[in-house]
C-alpha atoms as a PDB file:
ATOM      1  CA  UNK A   1       1.620  10.574  -4.966  1.00  0.00           C
ATOM      2  CA  UNK A   2       2.132  12.241  -8.315  1.00  0.00           C
ATOM      3  CA  UNK A   3       2.203   9.738 -11.186  1.00  0.00           C
ATOM      4  CA  UNK A   4       3.537   9.918 -14.716  1.00  0.00           C
ATOM      5  CA  UNK A   5       3.055   7.232 -17.362  1.00  0.00           C
ATOM      6  CA  UNK A   6       6.348   5.943 -18.760  1.00  0.00           C
ATOM      7  CA  UNK A   7       6.994   2.751 -20.704  1.00  0.00           C
ATOM      8  CA  UNK A   8      10.235   0.881 -21.288  1.00  0.00           C
ATOM      9  CA  UNK A   9      10.274  -1.050 -24.542  1.00  0.00           C
ATOM     10  CA  UNK A  10      12.499  -3.712 -26.023  1.00  0.00           C
ATOM     11  CA  UNK A  11      12.156  -4.303 -29.771  1.00  0.00           C
ATOM     12  CA  UNK A  12       8.661  -2.828 -29.601  1.00  0.00           C
ATOM     13  CA  UNK A  13       7.517  -4.902 -26.602  1.00  0.00           C
ATOM     14  CA  UNK A  14       6.471  -3.159 -23.399  1.00  0.00           C
ATOM     15  CA  UNK A  15       8.627  -4.380 -20.498  1.00  0.00           C
ATOM     16  CA  UNK A  16       5.634  -4.886 -18.261  1.00  0.00           C
ATOM     17  CA  UNK A  17       3.669  -7.097 -20.665  1.00  0.00           C
ATOM     18  CA  UNK A  18       2.549 -10.246 -18.855  1.00  0.00           C
ATOM     19  CA  UNK A  19       2.437  -8.509 -15.461  1.00  0.00           C
ATOM     20  CA  UNK A  20      -1.100  -8.392 -14.118  1.00  0.00           C
ATOM     21  CA  UNK A  21      -2.638  -4.942 -14.050  1.00  0.00           C
ATOM     22  CA  UNK A  22      -3.969  -3.451 -10.829  1.00  0.00           C
ATOM     23  CA  UNK A  23      -4.818  -0.198  -9.150  1.00  0.00           C
ATOM     24  CA  UNK A  24      -2.171   2.060  -7.659  1.00  0.00           C
ATOM     25  CA  UNK A  25      -0.560   0.643  -4.501  1.00  0.00           C
ATOM     26  CA  UNK A  26      -0.919   2.282  -1.102  1.00  0.00           C
ATOM     27  CA  UNK A  27       1.498   1.983   1.794  1.00  0.00           C
ATOM     28  CA  UNK A  28       1.749   2.379   5.546  1.00  0.00           C
ATOM     29  CA  UNK A  29       5.000   3.914   6.824  1.00  0.00           C
ATOM     30  CA  UNK A  30       7.078   2.894   9.845  1.00  0.00           C
ATOM     31  CA  UNK A  31      10.364   4.382  11.050  1.00  0.00           C
ATOM     32  CA  UNK A  32      13.490   2.280  11.679  1.00  0.00           C
ATOM     33  CA  UNK A  33      16.150   3.398  14.159  1.00  0.00           C
ATOM     34  CA  UNK A  34      18.917   1.164  15.477  1.00  0.00           C
ATOM     35  CA  UNK A  35      18.895   1.653  19.288  1.00  0.00           C
ATOM     36  CA  UNK A  36      21.275   4.439  20.316  1.00  0.00           C
ATOM     37  CA  UNK A  37      22.470   5.137  16.765  1.00  0.00           C
ATOM     38  CA  UNK A  38      23.122   8.595  15.342  1.00  0.00           C
ATOM     39  CA  UNK A  39      21.721   7.567  11.952  1.00  0.00           C
ATOM     40  CA  UNK A  40      20.067   4.522  10.375  1.00  0.00           C
ATOM     41  CA  UNK A  41      19.378   3.525   6.758  1.00  0.00           C
ATOM     42  CA  UNK A  42      17.424   0.541   5.395  1.00  0.00           C
ATOM     43  CA  UNK A  43      18.885  -1.070   2.260  1.00  0.00           C
ATOM     44  CA  UNK A  44      17.108  -4.340   1.525  1.00  0.00           C
ATOM     45  CA  UNK A  45      14.389  -6.728   2.683  1.00  0.00           C
ATOM     46  CA  UNK A  46      13.209 -10.207   1.818  1.00  0.00           C
ATOM     47  CA  UNK A  47       9.795 -11.830   1.429  1.00  0.00           C
ATOM     48  CA  UNK A  48       9.708 -12.677   5.122  1.00  0.00           C
ATOM     49  CA  UNK A  49      10.184  -9.016   6.024  1.00  0.00           C
ATOM     50  CA  UNK A  50      13.738  -9.280   7.365  1.00  0.00           C
ATOM     51  CA  UNK A  51      15.508  -5.937   6.811  1.00  0.00           C
ATOM     52  CA  UNK A  52      19.200  -5.176   6.377  1.00  0.00           C
ATOM     53  CA  UNK A  53      20.931  -1.816   6.337  1.00  0.00           C
ATOM     54  CA  UNK A  54      23.527   0.240   8.150  1.00  0.00           C
ATOM     55  CA  UNK A  55      23.773   2.511  11.161  1.00  0.00           C
ATOM     56  CA  UNK A  56      26.315   4.960  12.543  1.00  0.00           C
ATOM     57  CA  UNK A  57      27.041   4.772  16.253  1.00  0.00           C
ATOM     58  CA  UNK A  58      27.891   7.581  18.649  1.00  0.00           C
ATOM     59  CA  UNK A  59      31.601   7.132  17.878  1.00  0.00           C
ATOM     60  CA  UNK A  60      30.825   7.754  14.171  1.00  0.00           C
ATOM     61  CA  UNK A  61      31.595   4.176  13.115  1.00  0.00           C
ATOM     62  CA  UNK A  62      29.276   2.578  10.549  1.00  0.00           C
ATOM     63  CA  UNK A  63      28.014  -0.982  10.996  1.00  0.00           C
ATOM     64  CA  UNK A  64      25.636  -3.246   9.131  1.00  0.00           C
ATOM     65  CA  UNK A  65      22.504  -4.569  10.772  1.00  0.00           C
ATOM     66  CA  UNK A  66      19.802  -7.217  10.434  1.00  0.00           C
ATOM     67  CA  UNK A  67      16.306  -6.499  11.751  1.00  0.00           C
ATOM     68  CA  UNK A  68      14.313  -9.725  12.108  1.00  0.00           C
ATOM     69  CA  UNK A  69      11.165 -10.268  14.171  1.00  0.00           C
ATOM     70  CA  UNK A  70      11.718  -6.890  15.815  1.00  0.00           C
ATOM     71  CA  UNK A  71      15.257  -7.732  16.939  1.00  0.00           C
ATOM     72  CA  UNK A  72      18.395  -5.922  15.731  1.00  0.00           C
ATOM     73  CA  UNK A  73      21.693  -7.729  15.136  1.00  0.00           C
ATOM     74  CA  UNK A  74      24.920  -5.857  14.318  1.00  0.00           C
ATOM     75  CA  UNK A  75      26.954  -7.071  11.328  1.00  0.00           C
ATOM     76  CA  UNK A  76      30.672  -6.221  11.244  1.00  0.00           C
ATOM     77  CA  UNK A  77      33.391  -7.552   8.983  1.00  0.00           C
ATOM     78  CA  UNK A  78      36.482  -8.199  11.106  1.00  0.00           C
ATOM     79  CA  UNK A  79      38.973  -5.325  10.866  1.00  0.00           C
ATOM     80  CA  UNK A  80      36.711  -3.169   8.718  1.00  0.00           C
ATOM     81  CA  UNK A  81      36.546   0.597   9.075  1.00  0.00           C
ATOM     82  CA  UNK A  82      32.978   0.583   7.672  1.00  0.00           C
ATOM     83  CA  UNK A  83      30.496  -2.276   7.213  1.00  0.00           C
ATOM     84  CA  UNK A  84      27.209  -1.954   5.297  1.00  0.00           C
ATOM     85  CA  UNK A  85      24.624  -4.710   4.801  1.00  0.00           C
ATOM     86  CA  UNK A  86      22.863  -4.116   1.477  1.00  0.00           C
ATOM     87  CA  UNK A  87      20.775  -7.099   0.402  1.00  0.00           C
ATOM     88  CA  UNK A  88      19.100 -10.221   1.813  1.00  0.00           C
ATOM     89  CA  UNK A  89      17.386 -13.105   0.033  1.00  0.00           C
ATOM     90  CA  UNK A  90      14.559 -15.367   1.173  1.00  0.00           C
ATOM     91  CA  UNK A  91      16.997 -17.908   2.624  1.00  0.00           C
ATOM     92  CA  UNK A  92      18.497 -15.213   4.835  1.00  0.00           C
ATOM     93  CA  UNK A  93      21.815 -14.883   2.973  1.00  0.00           C
ATOM     94  CA  UNK A  94      23.128 -11.314   3.330  1.00  0.00           C
ATOM     95  CA  UNK A  95      25.497  -9.362   1.082  1.00  0.00           C
ATOM     96  CA  UNK A  96      27.105  -5.987   1.564  1.00  0.00           C
ATOM     97  CA  UNK A  97      30.368  -4.091   1.594  1.00  0.00           C
ATOM     98  CA  UNK A  98      33.159  -3.367   3.989  1.00  0.00           C
ATOM     99  CA  UNK A  99      35.925  -0.756   3.825  1.00  0.00           C
ATOM    100  CA  UNK A 100      39.403  -1.777   4.913  1.00  0.00           C
ATOM    101  CA  UNK A 101      41.960   0.505   6.622  1.00  0.00           C
ATOM    102  CA  UNK A 102      43.550   1.530   3.297  1.00  0.00           C
ATOM    103  CA  UNK A 103      40.430   3.564   2.606  1.00  0.00           C
ATOM    104  CA  UNK A 104      41.936   6.201   4.868  1.00  0.00           C
ATOM    105  CA  UNK A 105      45.244   6.313   2.986  1.00  0.00           C
ATOM    106  CA  UNK A 106      45.511   9.238   0.582  1.00  0.00           C
ATOM    107  CA  UNK A 107      45.799   8.099  -3.005  1.00  0.00           C
ATOM    108  CA  UNK A 108      44.983   4.463  -2.205  1.00  0.00           C
ATOM    109  CA  UNK A 109      42.087   4.398  -4.653  1.00  0.00           C
ATOM    110  CA  UNK A 110      39.875   2.822  -2.025  1.00  0.00           C
ATOM    111  CA  UNK A 111      39.796  -0.415  -0.098  1.00  0.00           C
ATOM    112  CA  UNK A 112      36.201  -1.570  -0.651  1.00  0.00           C
ATOM    113  CA  UNK A 113      35.213  -5.228  -0.688  1.00  0.00           C
ATOM    114  CA  UNK A 114      32.023  -7.208  -0.938  1.00  0.00           C
ATOM    115  CA  UNK A 115      30.987  -9.796   1.611  1.00  0.00           C
ATOM    116  CA  UNK A 116      28.543 -12.687   1.868  1.00  0.00           C
ATOM    117  CA  UNK A 117      27.116 -13.737   5.225  1.00  0.00           C
ATOM    118  CA  UNK A 118      25.353 -17.039   4.698  1.00  0.00           C
ATOM    119  CA  UNK A 119      22.195 -17.785   6.685  1.00  0.00           C
ATOM    120  CA  UNK A 120      23.143 -19.291  10.034  1.00  0.00           C
ATOM    121  CA  UNK A 121      26.801 -18.300   9.742  1.00  0.00           C
ATOM    122  CA  UNK A 122      28.471 -15.880  12.144  1.00  0.00           C
ATOM    123  CA  UNK A 123      31.486 -14.882  10.029  1.00  0.00           C
ATOM    124  CA  UNK A 124      31.096 -13.117   6.647  1.00  0.00           C
ATOM    125  CA  UNK A 125      33.235 -14.225   3.715  1.00  0.00           C
ATOM    126  CA  UNK A 126      34.847 -11.772   1.299  1.00  0.00           C
ATOM    127  CA  UNK A 127      33.562 -11.282  -2.248  1.00  0.00           C
ATOM    128  CA  UNK A 128      36.268  -9.714  -4.441  1.00  0.00           C
ATOM    129  CA  UNK A 129      36.205  -9.446  -8.226  1.00  0.00           C
ATOM    130  CA  UNK A 130      39.543 -10.927  -9.382  1.00  0.00           C
ATOM    131  CA  UNK A 131      42.150  -8.407 -10.497  1.00  0.00           C
ATOM    132  CA  UNK A 132      40.356  -5.263  -9.329  1.00  0.00           C
ATOM    133  CA  UNK A 133      40.732  -3.019  -6.299  1.00  0.00           C
ATOM    134  CA  UNK A 134      37.154  -2.479  -5.200  1.00  0.00           C
ATOM    135  CA  UNK A 135      34.049  -4.659  -5.222  1.00  0.00           C
ATOM    136  CA  UNK A 136      30.532  -3.704  -4.138  1.00  0.00           C
ATOM    137  CA  UNK A 137      28.087  -6.553  -3.440  1.00  0.00           C
ATOM    138  CA  UNK A 138      24.677  -4.908  -3.618  1.00  0.00           C
ATOM    139  CA  UNK A 139      22.040  -7.626  -3.943  1.00  0.00           C
ATOM    140  CA  UNK A 140      21.629 -11.418  -3.727  1.00  0.00           C
ATOM    141  CA  UNK A 141      18.840 -13.322  -5.461  1.00  0.00           C
ATOM    142  CA  UNK A 142      17.038 -16.374  -4.106  1.00  0.00           C
ATOM    143  CA  UNK A 143      19.174 -18.505  -6.436  1.00  0.00           C
ATOM    144  CA  UNK A 144      22.345 -17.099  -4.860  1.00  0.00           C
ATOM    145  CA  UNK A 145      23.411 -14.770  -7.677  1.00  0.00           C
ATOM    146  CA  UNK A 146      25.195 -11.649  -6.413  1.00  0.00           C
ATOM    147  CA  UNK A 147      24.843  -8.308  -8.197  1.00  0.00           C
ATOM    148  CA  UNK A 148      26.954  -5.192  -7.833  1.00  0.00           C
ATOM    149  CA  UNK A 149      30.021  -3.649  -9.446  1.00  0.00           C
ATOM    150  CA  UNK A 150      33.799  -3.369  -9.388  1.00  0.00           C
ATOM    151  CA  UNK A 151      36.075  -0.375  -9.960  1.00  0.00           C
ATOM    152  CA  UNK A 152      39.683   0.699  -9.579  1.00  0.00           C
ATOM    153  CA  UNK A 153      41.270   4.149  -8.992  1.00  0.00           C
ATOM    154  CA  UNK A 154      39.102   5.904 -11.570  1.00  0.00           C
ATOM    155  CA  UNK A 155      35.485   5.159 -10.715  1.00  0.00           C
ATOM    156  CA  UNK A 156      34.068   6.756 -13.856  1.00  0.00           C
ATOM    157  CA  UNK A 157      36.549   4.989 -16.098  1.00  0.00           C
ATOM    158  CA  UNK A 158      36.701   1.562 -14.469  1.00  0.00           C
ATOM    159  CA  UNK A 159      33.336   0.904 -12.789  1.00  0.00           C
ATOM    160  CA  UNK A 160      31.433  -2.020 -14.315  1.00  0.00           C
ATOM    161  CA  UNK A 161      28.317  -3.919 -13.304  1.00  0.00           C
ATOM    162  CA  UNK A 162      28.917  -7.516 -12.256  1.00  0.00           C
ATOM    163  CA  UNK A 163      27.106 -10.801 -11.700  1.00  0.00           C
ATOM    164  CA  UNK A 164      28.557 -13.523  -9.489  1.00  0.00           C
ATOM    165  CA  UNK A 165      26.939 -16.907 -10.169  1.00  0.00           C
ATOM    166  CA  UNK A 166      28.112 -20.276  -8.804  1.00  0.00           C
ATOM    167  CA  UNK A 167      31.496 -18.746  -7.992  1.00  0.00           C
ATOM    168  CA  UNK A 168      31.939 -17.336 -11.488  1.00  0.00           C
ATOM    169  CA  UNK A 169      32.592 -13.594 -11.753  1.00  0.00           C
ATOM    170  CA  UNK A 170      31.082 -11.949 -14.826  1.00  0.00           C
ATOM    171  CA  UNK A 171      31.368  -8.307 -15.911  1.00  0.00           C
ATOM    172  CA  UNK A 172      27.848  -7.581 -17.123  1.00  0.00           C
ATOM    173  CA  UNK A 173      27.507  -4.102 -18.597  1.00  0.00           C
ATOM    174  CA  UNK A 174      24.700  -2.528 -20.523  1.00  0.00           C
ATOM    175  CA  UNK A 175      25.387  -1.662 -24.158  1.00  0.00           C
ATOM    176  CA  UNK A 176      23.634   1.266 -25.802  1.00  0.00           C
ATOM    177  CA  UNK A 177      24.053   1.997 -29.514  1.00  0.00           C
ATOM    178  CA  UNK A 178      26.906  -0.488 -29.628  1.00  0.00           C
ATOM    179  CA  UNK A 179      28.834   1.217 -26.809  1.00  0.00           C
ATOM    180  CA  UNK A 180      29.253   0.017 -23.227  1.00  0.00           C
ATOM    181  CA  UNK A 181      27.611   2.467 -20.840  1.00  0.00           C
ATOM    182  CA  UNK A 182      30.097   4.101 -18.451  1.00  0.00           C
ATOM    183  CA  UNK A 183      30.308   3.609 -14.684  1.00  0.00           C
ATOM    184  CA  UNK A 184      27.569   0.986 -14.387  1.00  0.00           C
ATOM    185  CA  UNK A 185      26.310  -0.876 -11.323  1.00  0.00           C
ATOM    186  CA  UNK A 186      23.821  -3.786 -11.269  1.00  0.00           C
ATOM    187  CA  UNK A 187      21.466  -3.431  -8.318  1.00  0.00           C
ATOM    188  CA  UNK A 188      18.546  -5.814  -8.709  1.00  0.00           C
ATOM    189  CA  UNK A 189      17.158  -8.663 -10.781  1.00  0.00           C
ATOM    190  CA  UNK A 190      14.243 -11.009 -11.255  1.00  0.00           C
ATOM    191  CA  UNK A 191      14.802 -14.500  -9.759  1.00  0.00           C
ATOM    192  CA  UNK A 192      16.012 -15.982 -13.046  1.00  0.00           C
ATOM    193  CA  UNK A 193      18.457 -13.118 -13.597  1.00  0.00           C
ATOM    194  CA  UNK A 194      17.009 -12.555 -17.080  1.00  0.00           C
ATOM    195  CA  UNK A 195      15.988  -8.992 -16.181  1.00  0.00           C
ATOM    196  CA  UNK A 196      18.440  -6.727 -14.334  1.00  0.00           C
ATOM    197  CA  UNK A 197      18.156  -3.122 -13.224  1.00  0.00           C
ATOM    198  CA  UNK A 198      20.873  -0.712 -12.211  1.00  0.00           C
ATOM    199  CA  UNK A 199      22.434   2.692 -12.706  1.00  0.00           C
ATOM    200  CA  UNK A 200      25.190   4.336 -14.689  1.00  0.00           C
ATOM    201  CA  UNK A 201      26.818   7.753 -14.775  1.00  0.00           C
ATOM    202  CA  UNK A 202      27.940   9.827 -17.747  1.00  0.00           C
ATOM    203  CA  UNK A 203      28.847  13.449 -18.337  1.00  0.00           C
ATOM    204  CA  UNK A 204      25.153  14.358 -18.097  1.00  0.00           C
ATOM    205  CA  UNK A 205      24.587  12.745 -14.700  1.00  0.00           C
ATOM    206  CA  UNK A 206      23.248   9.482 -13.281  1.00  0.00           C
ATOM    207  CA  UNK A 207      20.638   7.395 -15.116  1.00  0.00           C
ATOM    208  CA  UNK A 208      18.949   4.034 -14.652  1.00  0.00           C
ATOM    209  CA  UNK A 209      18.636   1.036 -16.923  1.00  0.00           C
ATOM    210  CA  UNK A 210      16.986  -2.310 -17.459  1.00  0.00           C
ATOM    211  CA  UNK A 211      18.725  -5.207 -19.216  1.00  0.00           C
ATOM    212  CA  UNK A 212      16.231  -7.823 -20.426  1.00  0.00           C
ATOM    213  CA  UNK A 213      17.645 -10.924 -22.134  1.00  0.00           C
ATOM    214  CA  UNK A 214      20.632  -8.833 -23.192  1.00  0.00           C
ATOM    215  CA  UNK A 215      18.560  -5.893 -24.460  1.00  0.00           C
ATOM    216  CA  UNK A 216      19.406  -2.581 -22.785  1.00  0.00           C
ATOM    217  CA  UNK A 217      17.122   0.401 -22.154  1.00  0.00           C
ATOM    218  CA  UNK A 218      17.973   3.453 -20.076  1.00  0.00           C
ATOM    219  CA  UNK A 219      15.363   5.500 -18.231  1.00  0.00           C
ATOM    220  CA  UNK A 220      15.003   8.590 -16.063  1.00  0.00           C
ATOM    221  CA  UNK A 221      12.254   9.730 -13.739  1.00  0.00           C
ATOM    222  CA  UNK A 222      10.399  12.380 -15.786  1.00  0.00           C
ATOM    223  CA  UNK A 223      11.927  15.822 -15.229  1.00  0.00           C
ATOM    224  CA  UNK A 224      14.645  14.489 -12.903  1.00  0.00           C
ATOM    225  CA  UNK A 225      18.268  15.617 -13.048  1.00  0.00           C
ATOM    226  CA  UNK A 226      19.429  12.267 -11.601  1.00  0.00           C
ATOM    227  CA  UNK A 227      17.803   8.809 -11.423  1.00  0.00           C
ATOM    228  CA  UNK A 228      19.241   5.756  -9.632  1.00  0.00           C
ATOM    229  CA  UNK A 229      17.496   2.364  -9.731  1.00  0.00           C
ATOM    230  CA  UNK A 230      18.375   0.364  -6.618  1.00  0.00           C
ATOM    231  CA  UNK A 231      16.278  -2.803  -6.662  1.00  0.00           C
ATOM    232  CA  UNK A 232      13.723  -4.925  -8.530  1.00  0.00           C
ATOM    233  CA  UNK A 233      11.291  -7.575  -7.297  1.00  0.00           C
ATOM    234  CA  UNK A 234      10.031 -10.725  -9.097  1.00  0.00           C
ATOM    235  CA  UNK A 235       7.045  -8.804 -10.512  1.00  0.00           C
ATOM    236  CA  UNK A 236       9.379  -6.349 -12.253  1.00  0.00           C
ATOM    237  CA  UNK A 237       8.651  -3.435  -9.929  1.00  0.00           C
ATOM    238  CA  UNK A 238      11.670  -1.126  -9.636  1.00  0.00           C
ATOM    239  CA  UNK A 239      12.534   1.254  -6.802  1.00  0.00           C
ATOM    240  CA  UNK A 240      15.203   3.888  -6.484  1.00  0.00           C
ATOM    241  CA  UNK A 241      16.086   7.513  -5.957  1.00  0.00           C
ATOM    242  CA  UNK A 242      15.720  10.613  -8.102  1.00  0.00           C
ATOM    243  CA  UNK A 243      16.654  14.270  -7.745  1.00  0.00           C
ATOM    244  CA  UNK A 244      14.128  16.774  -9.069  1.00  0.00           C
ATOM    245  CA  UNK A 245      14.755  20.082 -10.838  1.00  0.00           C
ATOM    246  CA  UNK A 246      14.814  21.884  -7.491  1.00  0.00           C
ATOM    247  CA  UNK A 247      17.635  19.555  -6.321  1.00  0.00           C
ATOM    248  CA  UNK A 248      15.412  17.750  -3.785  1.00  0.00           C
ATOM    249  CA  UNK A 249      15.830  13.984  -3.374  1.00  0.00           C
ATOM    250  CA  UNK A 250      12.896  11.569  -3.491  1.00  0.00           C
ATOM    251  CA  UNK A 251      12.308   7.838  -3.657  1.00  0.00           C
ATOM    252  CA  UNK A 252      10.422   6.316  -6.569  1.00  0.00           C
ATOM    253  CA  UNK A 253       8.487   3.210  -7.543  1.00  0.00           C
ATOM    254  CA  UNK A 254       8.163   2.172 -11.189  1.00  0.00           C
ATOM    255  CA  UNK A 255       5.210  -0.214 -11.499  1.00  0.00           C
ATOM    256  CA  UNK A 256       3.294  -1.296 -14.606  1.00  0.00           C
ATOM    257  CA  UNK A 257       5.138   1.380 -16.570  1.00  0.00           C
ATOM    258  CA  UNK A 258       4.025   4.108 -14.157  1.00  0.00           C
ATOM    259  CA  UNK A 259       6.253   6.187 -11.887  1.00  0.00           C
ATOM    260  CA  UNK A 260       5.254   7.169  -8.349  1.00  0.00           C
ATOM    261  CA  UNK A 261       7.232   9.438  -6.016  1.00  0.00           C
ATOM    262  CA  UNK A 262       7.781   8.137  -2.480  1.00  0.00           C
ATOM    263  CA  UNK A 263       8.408  10.656   0.287  1.00  0.00           C
ATOM    264  CA  UNK A 264       8.368   9.970   4.006  1.00  0.00           C
ATOM    265  CA  UNK A 265       5.276  11.748   5.385  1.00  0.00           C
ATOM    266  CA  UNK A 266       6.690  13.938   8.148  1.00  0.00           C
ATOM    267  CA  UNK A 267       6.916  17.734   8.429  1.00  0.00           C
ATOM    268  CA  UNK A 268      10.115  19.284   7.105  1.00  0.00           C
ATOM    269  CA  UNK A 269      11.594  16.126   5.551  1.00  0.00           C
ATOM    270  CA  UNK A 270      14.652  17.182   3.526  1.00  0.00           C
ATOM    271  CA  UNK A 271      15.187  14.008   1.476  1.00  0.00           C
ATOM    272  CA  UNK A 272      13.715  10.540   0.983  1.00  0.00           C
ATOM    273  CA  UNK A 273      15.491   7.566  -0.604  1.00  0.00           C
ATOM    274  CA  UNK A 274      14.239   4.070  -1.465  1.00  0.00           C
ATOM    275  CA  UNK A 275      16.780   1.244  -1.770  1.00  0.00           C
ATOM    276  CA  UNK A 276      14.969  -2.101  -1.556  1.00  0.00           C
ATOM    277  CA  UNK A 277      11.744  -3.882  -2.500  1.00  0.00           C
ATOM    278  CA  UNK A 278      10.557  -7.421  -1.738  1.00  0.00           C
ATOM    279  CA  UNK A 279       8.150  -9.771  -3.580  1.00  0.00           C
ATOM    280  CA  UNK A 280       5.233  -8.414  -1.552  1.00  0.00           C
ATOM    281  CA  UNK A 281       5.934  -4.901  -2.795  1.00  0.00           C
ATOM    282  CA  UNK A 282       7.095  -3.622   0.595  1.00  0.00           C
ATOM    283  CA  UNK A 283      10.022  -1.194   0.402  1.00  0.00           C
ATOM    284  CA  UNK A 284      12.790   0.125   2.640  1.00  0.00           C
ATOM    285  CA  UNK A 285      14.925   3.221   2.543  1.00  0.00           C
ATOM    286  CA  UNK A 286      15.963   6.276   4.521  1.00  0.00           C
ATOM    287  CA  UNK A 287      14.855   9.847   5.049  1.00  0.00           C
ATOM    288  CA  UNK A 288      16.478  12.991   6.405  1.00  0.00           C
ATOM    289  CA  UNK A 289      14.338  14.820   8.954  1.00  0.00           C
ATOM    290  CA  UNK A 290      13.964  18.567   9.514  1.00  0.00           C
ATOM    291  CA  UNK A 291      16.916  18.548  11.941  1.00  0.00           C
ATOM    292  CA  UNK A 292      19.195  16.779   9.453  1.00  0.00           C
ATOM    293  CA  UNK A 293      19.151  13.334  11.118  1.00  0.00           C
ATOM    294  CA  UNK A 294      18.830  10.203   8.948  1.00  0.00           C
ATOM    295  CA  UNK A 295      16.324   7.469   9.817  1.00  0.00           C
ATOM    296  CA  UNK A 296      15.442   4.240   8.110  1.00  0.00           C
ATOM    297  CA  UNK A 297      11.890   3.495   7.083  1.00  0.00           C
ATOM    298  CA  UNK A 298       9.722   0.672   5.818  1.00  0.00           C
ATOM    299  CA  UNK A 299       6.640   1.030   3.636  1.00  0.00           C
ATOM    300  CA  UNK A 300       4.275  -1.911   3.896  1.00  0.00           C
ATOM    301  CA  UNK A 301       2.047  -2.541   0.881  1.00  0.00           C
ATOM    302  CA  UNK A 302      -1.626  -2.256   1.823  1.00  0.00           C
ATOM    303  CA  UNK A 303      -3.034  -1.825  -1.688  1.00  0.00           C
ATOM    304  CA  UNK A 304      -2.718  -4.090  -4.761  1.00  0.00           C
ATOM    305  CA  UNK A 305       0.424  -6.178  -5.009  1.00  0.00           C
ATOM    306  CA  UNK A 306       2.524  -6.723  -8.080  1.00  0.00           C
ATOM    307  CA  UNK A 307       1.468 -10.300  -8.783  1.00  0.00           C
END
């Protein structure tokens, strides 16, 4: 893996201070395919190794899934056109999104809602930011805080990162140079919620950020034309997706202030994306093979962990 040193600082302090140093991590790769599916993507995993994501069946309908102890379970929100499971915490609570039938109506502005499927429950409950059309529930912490975003008709103009805590909905945007960053989405946090990572889009493209105790810092993978942070573990390791100067898509890991590219090791892979990381440093994502099919994958940490 190619590596580039990059440090995020807040008021002169390196973000990673207090995180134990270690050598570069190494991983073993395994492919994830929902049985009989046309495509599969991994989105999140917990400390136990349970994985959530989405798959598209032969009828081109998208469903969420849970992979636990080698067994797949389909997750569907009743009446949804599309269901995607995106995050899972250590208790087994799952969050994600579902698209209602109005998604197919021209000019509707979307019909996207978050959901929470509590551990042991069989029916998901809706998570909707009050007063707004669309809600994306991306991640849930071990303390039950839900991260994501809301937006209305105009995604660029109305998309804001959110935090849902104890039933309270909070718009939680990053502020840079006194201005709220546009089109933001919170995608991961440390257990306390004091440090949050996410992405935002402006006229120059998509960038990533970290908010630490209210202090905001944006970052990009060096040389990338687009960088999207999708998750963070308790050690402060961040994973996501970047697009290089040749317009090829890769996953990345940001650890101890150092970037590493993550690409699924198969001949002819067209794109690799990383969406989730757990406390052990294992990650999940998806890759597009030489024939254009999408598969999920898991990388299991075999080198130094983030503790």
